[in-house]
Amino acid sequence: MARKNILSGLMDDSKKFTAVNSEPVNDPDKQQINFKGIGALGAVTRSIDALAARADAAREIEEKLAHGETVIDLDTALIEDSFVSDRLGHNDEQFQELVEAIRLRGQDSPILVRPHPEKDGKYQIAFGHRRARAAKELGRPVRAVVKKLADRDHVIAQGQENSARADLSFIERTMFADKLDKLGFDRETIMAALNADKTTISKMLSVTRRIPAEILSAIGAARATGRDRWHDLSAKFEENNAAERAMLFIETPAFEAAEPDARFDMLASFLSKRPASAVQTATSSSAVTQWQHRDGSVKAKIKDDGKQFTIALRAGKASAFGTYIADNLDRLYEAFEAGRQERTEINSKRKGPRTLP
């Protein structure tokens, strides 16, 4: 007997999770909840209730996907992550809490995987990456539903479950949408995966089109930073040399040592010409140039502050080229001295002997 398509309820329900419905009734962000209480106690109550609503929505998705399917135990060594990532790092504290919870009471809900489209005997996670990591750390199999999914259904299930759980920040959701767009998924699929309307998706993608991916990754998840502030920051990248200035700033020690939300604030302040730290002054006083080979295999950022000269290599052949330079420093320096001596002699001959009047 043919199995029921467990995704049909998820994709076709006219009231929930549809690509064209701009205000799904089960979207926790848009539910009108009558919270009681004011002040600190009221804020805590609202936070707890909102998280509970999102958790219920996530369980509803999982139940629909798992309905009529068998839950099995899978060796975590046979499982790989989704083909499109949706996180900028992990919250170690929250992850350890999850590990401890699974250790004490077991895995409450199964993850969803599909047979790997390219590797026999392997599986690919649609959702439940953190539960799979926790099971692996505990050295136990992970409870999973195995379902054959097309790429489109895979990313929709992944995006909607993560959105319902509310454990992705705005920029993580935005970068997920950007990756789907670059992979060639149509706008309807992206809308369904993010449970958002066309206007919202367009605004999200405008952020990733303005801010280089390397800078977004350097900032991190920035969970306390919302949509409007990200849009404001992205607008600054329309100014001349903003991207180049930002690329230099994200490599400063103060930026690298900060937490994601603080990094966001520091970069926004820097691009607004309001120094975020003394490091900015030191950086701006150095002469910095960029170089790259014509085939893009090696890139270099060169800094010279008069006392120290540094070359930072990047791209595919950076390590090999850097090793070559290090191994040939003696020869390169001798060539440099020989060339300088030769130029000195040539200049001396051009001036000729001095004659007394």
Protein backbone atom coordinates (compact mmCIF):
# COMPACT_ATOMS: atom_id res chain seq x y z
CA MET A 1 0.00 0.00 0.00
CA ALA A 2 1.38 3.35 -1.03
CA ARG A 3 2.39 5.59 1.82
CA LYS A 4 0.50 8.79 2.39
CA ASN A 5 2.42 11.91 1.35
CA ILE A 6 3.08 13.31 4.79
CA LEU A 7 4.16 16.65 3.37
CA SER A 8 0.81 17.29 1.70
CA GLY A 9 -0.78 18.55 4.89
CA LEU A 10 2.18 20.82 5.48
CA MET A 11 2.28 22.30 1.99
CA ASP A 12 -1.41 22.48 1.07
CA ASP A 13 -3.18 23.59 4.24
CA SER A 14 -4.75 26.88 3.16
CA LYS A 15 -4.55 28.27 6.66
CA LYS A 16 -1.01 27.31 7.59
CA PHE A 17 2.45 27.62 6.06
CA THR A 18 1.41 28.49 2.50
CA ALA A 19 3.69 30.44 0.19
CA VAL A 20 1.04 32.96 -0.81
CA ASN A 21 -0.53 33.55 2.57
CA SER A 22 1.12 36.69 3.91
CA GLU A 23 -0.37 36.33 7.38
CA PRO A 24 -0.59 32.66 8.41
CA VAL A 25 -2.68 32.27 11.50
CA ASN A 26 -0.13 29.99 13.13
CA ASP A 27 2.77 32.42 12.73
CA PRO A 28 3.74 33.16 16.36
CA ASP A 29 5.19 36.52 15.30
CA LYS A 30 1.72 37.67 14.23
CA GLN A 31 -0.52 36.02 16.77
CA GLN A 32 -2.46 38.41 18.94
CA ILE A 33 -1.95 37.13 22.46
CA ASN A 34 -3.62 38.80 25.42
CA PHE A 35 -0.78 38.95 27.93
CA LYS A 36 -1.43 39.90 31.48
CA GLY A 37 0.93 41.70 33.80
CA ILE A 38 3.20 44.67 33.43
CA GLY A 39 6.76 45.47 34.31
CA ALA A 40 9.47 42.82 34.73
CA LEU A 41 7.04 40.05 35.66
CA GLY A 42 4.88 40.81 32.62
CA ALA A 43 7.92 40.75 30.34
CA VAL A 44 8.97 37.35 31.65
CA THR A 45 5.42 36.03 31.21
CA ARG A 46 5.25 37.29 27.64
CA SER A 47 8.63 35.76 26.82
CA ILE A 48 7.68 32.36 28.25
CA ASP A 49 4.30 32.34 26.50
CA ALA A 50 5.83 33.32 23.15
CA LEU A 51 8.45 30.58 23.39
CA ALA A 52 5.78 28.05 24.34
CA ALA A 53 3.66 29.07 21.33
CA ARG A 54 6.60 28.61 19.00
CA ALA A 55 7.49 25.25 20.51
CA ASP A 56 3.89 24.10 19.98
CA ALA A 57 4.05 25.21 16.36
CA ALA A 58 7.30 23.29 15.85
CA ARG A 59 5.79 20.14 17.35
CA GLU A 60 2.77 20.51 15.08
CA ILE A 61 5.03 20.56 12.02
CA GLU A 62 6.98 17.56 13.23
CA GLU A 63 3.81 15.60 13.96
CA LYS A 64 2.50 16.28 10.46
CA LEU A 65 5.75 15.16 8.88
CA ALA A 66 6.02 12.06 11.05
CA HIS A 67 2.35 11.03 10.76
CA GLY A 68 2.07 7.48 9.48
CA GLU A 69 5.85 7.02 9.38
CA THR A 70 8.05 4.74 11.45
CA VAL A 71 10.53 6.24 13.86
CA ILE A 72 13.84 4.36 13.79
CA ASP A 73 17.20 4.63 15.52
CA LEU A 74 20.02 5.74 13.22
CA ASP A 75 23.76 5.66 13.77
CA THR A 76 24.88 9.31 13.75
CA ALA A 77 27.91 8.30 11.67
CA LEU A 78 25.52 7.67 8.78
CA ILE A 79 23.97 11.14 8.91
CA GLU A 80 25.14 14.34 7.24
CA ASP A 81 23.93 17.92 7.61
CA SER A 82 21.51 19.52 5.18
CA PHE A 83 22.91 20.64 1.84
CA VAL A 84 22.06 24.24 2.81
CA SER A 85 23.14 25.51 6.23
CA ASP A 86 20.89 27.75 8.30
CA ARG A 87 23.03 28.69 11.32
CA LEU A 88 25.94 30.98 12.08
CA GLY A 89 27.57 28.92 14.81
CA HIS A 90 25.93 27.36 17.84
CA ASN A 91 25.06 28.60 21.30
CA ASP A 92 27.25 26.34 23.42
CA GLU A 93 25.29 26.94 26.63
CA GLN A 94 21.93 26.10 25.06
CA PHE A 95 23.43 23.10 23.28
CA GLN A 96 24.84 21.70 26.50
CA GLU A 97 21.42 22.10 28.10
CA LEU A 98 19.96 20.06 25.25
CA VAL A 99 22.62 17.37 25.68
CA GLU A 100 21.86 17.12 29.38
CA ALA A 101 18.10 16.96 28.75
CA ILE A 102 18.52 14.11 26.27
CA ARG A 103 20.89 12.35 28.65
CA LEU A 104 18.32 12.46 31.45
CA ARG A 105 15.03 11.79 29.69
CA GLY A 106 15.91 10.74 26.17
CA GLN A 107 15.06 12.35 22.86
CA ASP A 108 11.53 13.79 22.99
CA SER A 109 10.89 14.17 19.26
CA PRO A 110 12.52 12.57 16.21
CA ILE A 111 14.53 14.40 13.60
CA LEU A 112 13.65 14.25 9.91
CA VAL A 113 16.14 12.85 7.42
CA ARG A 114 16.06 11.74 3.81
CA PRO A 115 18.15 9.09 2.04
CA HIS A 116 21.26 10.90 0.84
CA PRO A 117 20.75 11.79 -2.83
CA GLU A 118 24.38 11.05 -3.72
CA LYS A 119 25.70 8.55 -1.14
CA ASP A 120 24.23 5.07 -0.72
CA GLY A 121 23.61 4.09 2.88
CA LYS A 122 23.85 7.69 4.10
CA TYR A 123 21.17 10.13 5.22
CA GLN A 124 20.80 13.91 5.08
CA ILE A 125 19.15 15.95 7.83
CA ALA A 126 16.15 18.12 6.94
CA PHE A 127 15.69 19.32 10.51
CA GLY A 128 17.01 18.32 13.92
CA HIS A 129 20.70 19.14 13.49
CA ARG A 130 21.19 20.00 17.17
CA ARG A 131 19.45 16.82 18.34
CA ALA A 132 21.68 14.80 16.01
CA ARG A 133 24.79 16.55 17.37
CA ALA A 134 23.64 15.91 20.94
CA ALA A 135 23.08 12.21 20.24
CA LYS A 136 26.52 11.97 18.65
CA GLU A 137 28.14 13.62 21.68
CA LEU A 138 26.34 11.18 23.96
CA GLY A 139 27.45 8.24 21.83
CA ARG A 140 23.93 7.01 21.17
CA PRO A 141 21.79 6.63 18.02
CA VAL A 142 19.37 9.38 17.09
CA ARG A 143 15.64 8.78 16.70
CA ALA A 144 14.63 9.75 13.19
CA VAL A 145 11.91 9.62 10.59
CA VAL A 146 13.33 8.66 7.19
CA LYS A 147 11.37 10.19 4.33
CA LYS A 148 12.24 10.46 0.66
CA LEU A 149 12.12 14.19 -0.04
CA ALA A 150 12.77 16.25 -3.14
CA ASP A 151 15.11 19.21 -2.64
CA ARG A 152 12.15 21.62 -2.55
CA ASP A 153 10.30 19.71 0.15
CA HIS A 154 13.55 19.26 2.05
CA VAL A 155 14.27 23.00 2.35
CA ILE A 156 10.63 23.88 3.09
CA ALA A 157 10.52 21.40 5.96
CA GLN A 158 13.89 22.63 7.23
CA GLY A 159 12.98 26.32 7.06
CA GLN A 160 9.51 26.03 8.57
CA GLU A 161 10.57 23.85 11.50
CA ASN A 162 13.43 26.19 12.36
CA SER A 163 11.18 29.26 12.03
CA ALA A 164 8.60 27.71 14.33
CA ARG A 165 11.22 26.97 16.97
CA ALA A 166 12.38 30.62 16.88
CA ASP A 167 16.00 29.64 17.50
CA LEU A 168 17.31 31.39 14.39
CA SER A 169 18.10 35.09 14.42
CA PHE A 170 16.94 37.50 11.72
CA ILE A 171 20.26 37.42 9.91
CA GLU A 172 20.43 33.62 10.01
CA ARG A 173 16.97 33.43 8.42
CA THR A 174 18.06 36.06 5.89
CA MET A 175 21.24 34.19 4.95
CA PHE A 176 19.21 30.97 4.65
CA ALA A 177 16.89 32.73 2.18
CA ASP A 178 19.91 34.07 0.29
CA LYS A 179 21.43 30.59 -0.02
CA LEU A 180 18.16 29.18 -1.34
CA ASP A 181 18.02 32.02 -3.87
CA LYS A 182 21.58 31.37 -5.04
CA LEU A 183 20.85 27.64 -5.31
CA GLY A 184 18.14 28.49 -7.82
CA PHE A 185 14.99 27.88 -5.78
CA ASP A 186 12.03 29.92 -6.97
CA ARG A 187 10.54 32.69 -4.87
CA GLU A 188 7.47 30.59 -3.99
CA THR A 189 9.70 27.95 -2.40
CA ILE A 190 11.68 30.53 -0.43
CA MET A 191 8.45 32.13 0.77
CA ALA A 192 7.14 28.76 1.93
CA ALA A 193 10.41 27.83 3.65
CA LEU A 194 10.61 31.12 5.55
CA ASN A 195 6.83 31.36 6.06
CA ALA A 196 6.98 34.94 4.77
CA ASP A 197 5.41 37.00 2.00
CA LYS A 198 7.14 38.27 -1.13
CA THR A 199 7.78 41.76 0.23
CA THR A 200 9.44 40.42 3.38
CA ILE A 201 11.67 38.06 1.37
CA SER A 202 12.69 40.90 -0.96
CA LYS A 203 13.68 43.07 2.01
CA MET A 204 15.64 40.21 3.55
CA LEU A 205 17.54 39.56 0.32
CA SER A 206 18.36 43.27 -0.01
CA VAL A 207 20.46 42.94 3.16
CA THR A 208 22.58 40.08 1.80
CA ARG A 209 22.99 41.82 -1.54
CA ARG A 210 24.44 44.91 0.09
CA ILE A 211 26.56 43.38 2.86
CA PRO A 212 29.25 40.89 1.73
CA ALA A 213 28.80 37.35 3.05
CA GLU A 214 32.26 37.41 4.66
CA ILE A 215 31.24 40.38 6.79
CA LEU A 216 27.91 38.81 7.76
CA SER A 217 29.69 35.64 8.86
CA ALA A 218 32.25 37.67 10.82
CA ILE A 219 29.50 39.45 12.76
CA GLY A 220 27.67 36.22 13.59
CA ALA A 221 24.10 35.43 14.61
CA ALA A 222 23.53 38.66 16.62
CA ARG A 223 20.31 37.31 18.13
CA ALA A 224 19.36 40.57 19.85
CA THR A 225 19.66 42.60 16.63
CA GLY A 226 16.43 42.88 14.66
CA ARG A 227 15.36 43.49 11.10
CA ASP A 228 15.29 47.31 11.13
CA ARG A 229 18.84 47.67 12.44
CA TRP A 230 20.13 45.21 9.84
CA HIS A 231 18.40 47.21 7.11
CA ASP A 232 19.97 50.41 8.45
CA LEU A 233 23.42 48.81 8.45
CA SER A 234 22.99 47.47 4.92
CA ALA A 235 22.16 50.99 3.69
CA LYS A 236 25.58 52.16 4.88
CA PHE A 237 27.19 49.73 2.43
CA GLU A 238 25.89 51.80 -0.47
CA GLU A 239 28.43 54.47 0.44
CA ASN A 240 31.80 54.56 -1.33
CA ASN A 241 34.45 52.23 0.11
CA ALA A 242 32.14 51.04 2.90
CA ALA A 243 32.76 47.36 2.11
CA GLU A 244 36.54 47.85 1.96
CA ARG A 245 36.57 49.74 5.26
CA ALA A 246 34.39 47.09 6.89
CA MET A 247 36.64 44.27 5.67
CA LEU A 248 39.60 45.89 7.42
CA PHE A 249 37.65 46.61 10.59
CA ILE A 250 36.37 43.05 11.11
CA GLU A 251 39.98 41.85 11.37
CA THR A 252 40.85 44.11 14.28
CA PRO A 253 41.48 42.33 17.61
CA ALA A 254 38.74 44.25 19.44
CA PHE A 255 36.12 43.22 16.88
CA GLU A 256 37.19 39.56 16.88
CA ALA A 257 37.11 39.40 20.69
CA ALA A 258 33.56 40.79 20.97
CA GLU A 259 30.24 38.92 21.04
CA PRO A 260 28.08 38.96 17.86
CA ASP A 261 25.67 41.71 18.94
CA ALA A 262 28.58 43.85 20.14
CA ARG A 263 30.32 43.26 16.81
CA PHE A 264 27.25 44.55 15.02
CA ASP A 265 27.22 47.69 17.16
CA MET A 266 30.94 48.28 16.66
CA LEU A 267 30.72 47.95 12.88
CA ALA A 268 27.62 50.15 12.64
CA SER A 269 29.37 52.80 14.73
CA PHE A 270 32.54 52.55 12.67
CA LEU A 271 30.71 52.98 9.36
CA SER A 272 28.84 55.96 10.82
CA LYS A 273 32.22 57.60 11.47
CA ARG A 274 31.78 57.26 15.21
CA PRO A 275 34.85 55.33 16.39
CA ALA A 276 33.85 52.21 18.30
CA SER A 277 37.27 51.79 19.93
CA ALA A 278 40.85 52.99 19.94
CA VAL A 279 41.66 50.15 17.55
CA GLN A 280 40.00 52.09 14.75
CA THR A 281 42.49 54.96 15.03
CA ALA A 282 45.42 52.58 14.85
CA THR A 283 43.94 50.85 11.83
CA SER A 284 43.20 54.05 9.93
CA SER A 285 46.76 55.35 10.45
CA SER A 286 48.28 52.39 8.60
CA ALA A 287 48.79 52.33 4.85
CA VAL A 288 46.80 49.39 3.53
CA THR A 289 46.76 48.01 0.00
CA GLN A 290 45.15 44.99 -1.62
CA TRP A 291 46.60 42.62 -4.22
CA GLN A 292 45.41 39.50 -5.94
CA HIS A 293 46.64 37.31 -8.74
CA ARG A 294 44.68 37.60 -11.96
CA ASP A 295 43.27 34.07 -11.56
CA GLY A 296 42.11 34.80 -8.00
CA SER A 297 44.12 31.90 -6.53
CA VAL A 298 45.97 34.15 -4.06
CA LYS A 299 44.93 37.42 -2.45
CA ALA A 300 46.98 39.64 -0.17
CA LYS A 301 46.26 42.46 2.24
CA ILE A 302 49.38 44.54 2.79
CA LYS A 303 49.80 46.86 5.79
CA ASP A 304 52.67 49.28 6.38
CA ASP A 305 52.67 51.62 9.38
CA GLY A 306 56.31 52.62 8.99
CA LYS A 307 57.48 50.32 11.78
CA GLN A 308 55.89 47.04 10.79
CA PHE A 309 55.16 45.61 7.35
CA THR A 310 52.73 42.68 7.12
CA ILE A 311 51.31 40.62 4.28
CA ALA A 312 48.19 38.53 4.97
CA LEU A 313 47.51 35.92 2.30
CA ARG A 314 44.09 34.44 1.54
CA ALA A 315 42.32 32.21 -1.04
CA GLY A 316 43.09 28.71 -2.29
CA LYS A 317 46.88 28.84 -2.71
CA ALA A 318 47.57 31.17 0.23
CA SER A 319 49.17 28.49 2.41
CA ALA A 320 51.36 27.07 -0.36
CA PHE A 321 52.47 30.51 -1.54
CA GLY A 322 53.14 31.63 2.02
CA THR A 323 55.28 28.54 2.65
CA TYR A 324 57.24 29.25 -0.53
CA ILE A 325 57.95 32.81 0.59
CA ALA A 326 59.03 31.64 4.06
CA ASP A 327 61.33 28.99 2.62
CA ASN A 328 62.99 31.50 0.29
CA LEU A 329 63.38 34.53 2.56
CA ASP A 330 67.20 34.37 2.45
CA ARG A 331 67.26 34.26 -1.35
CA LEU A 332 64.64 36.99 -1.66
CA TYR A 333 66.48 39.26 0.75
CA GLU A 334 69.79 38.72 -1.08
CA ALA A 335 68.08 39.57 -4.37
CA PHE A 336 66.63 42.69 -2.76
CA GLU A 337 70.07 43.83 -1.49
CA ALA A 338 71.73 43.07 -4.82
CA GLY A 339 69.08 45.06 -6.65
CA ARG A 340 69.39 47.99 -4.29
CA GLN A 341 73.19 48.02 -4.67
CA GLU A 342 72.87 47.89 -8.43
CA ARG A 343 70.44 50.83 -8.44
CA THR A 344 72.81 52.80 -6.21
CA GLU A 345 75.71 52.26 -8.63
CA ILE A 346 73.58 53.21 -11.65
CA ASN A 347 72.42 56.41 -9.99
CA SER A 348 75.99 57.25 -9.06
CA LYS A 349 77.17 56.87 -12.67
CA ARG A 350 74.29 59.01 -13.96
CA LYS A 351 75.34 61.87 -11.72
CA GLY A 352 78.96 61.61 -12.94
CA PRO A 353 82.07 63.00 -11.21
CA ARG A 354 81.74 66.33 -9.54
CA THR A 355 83.98 69.09 -10.98
CA LEU A 356 85.29 72.00 -9.03
CA PRO A 357 84.43 75.46 -10.38
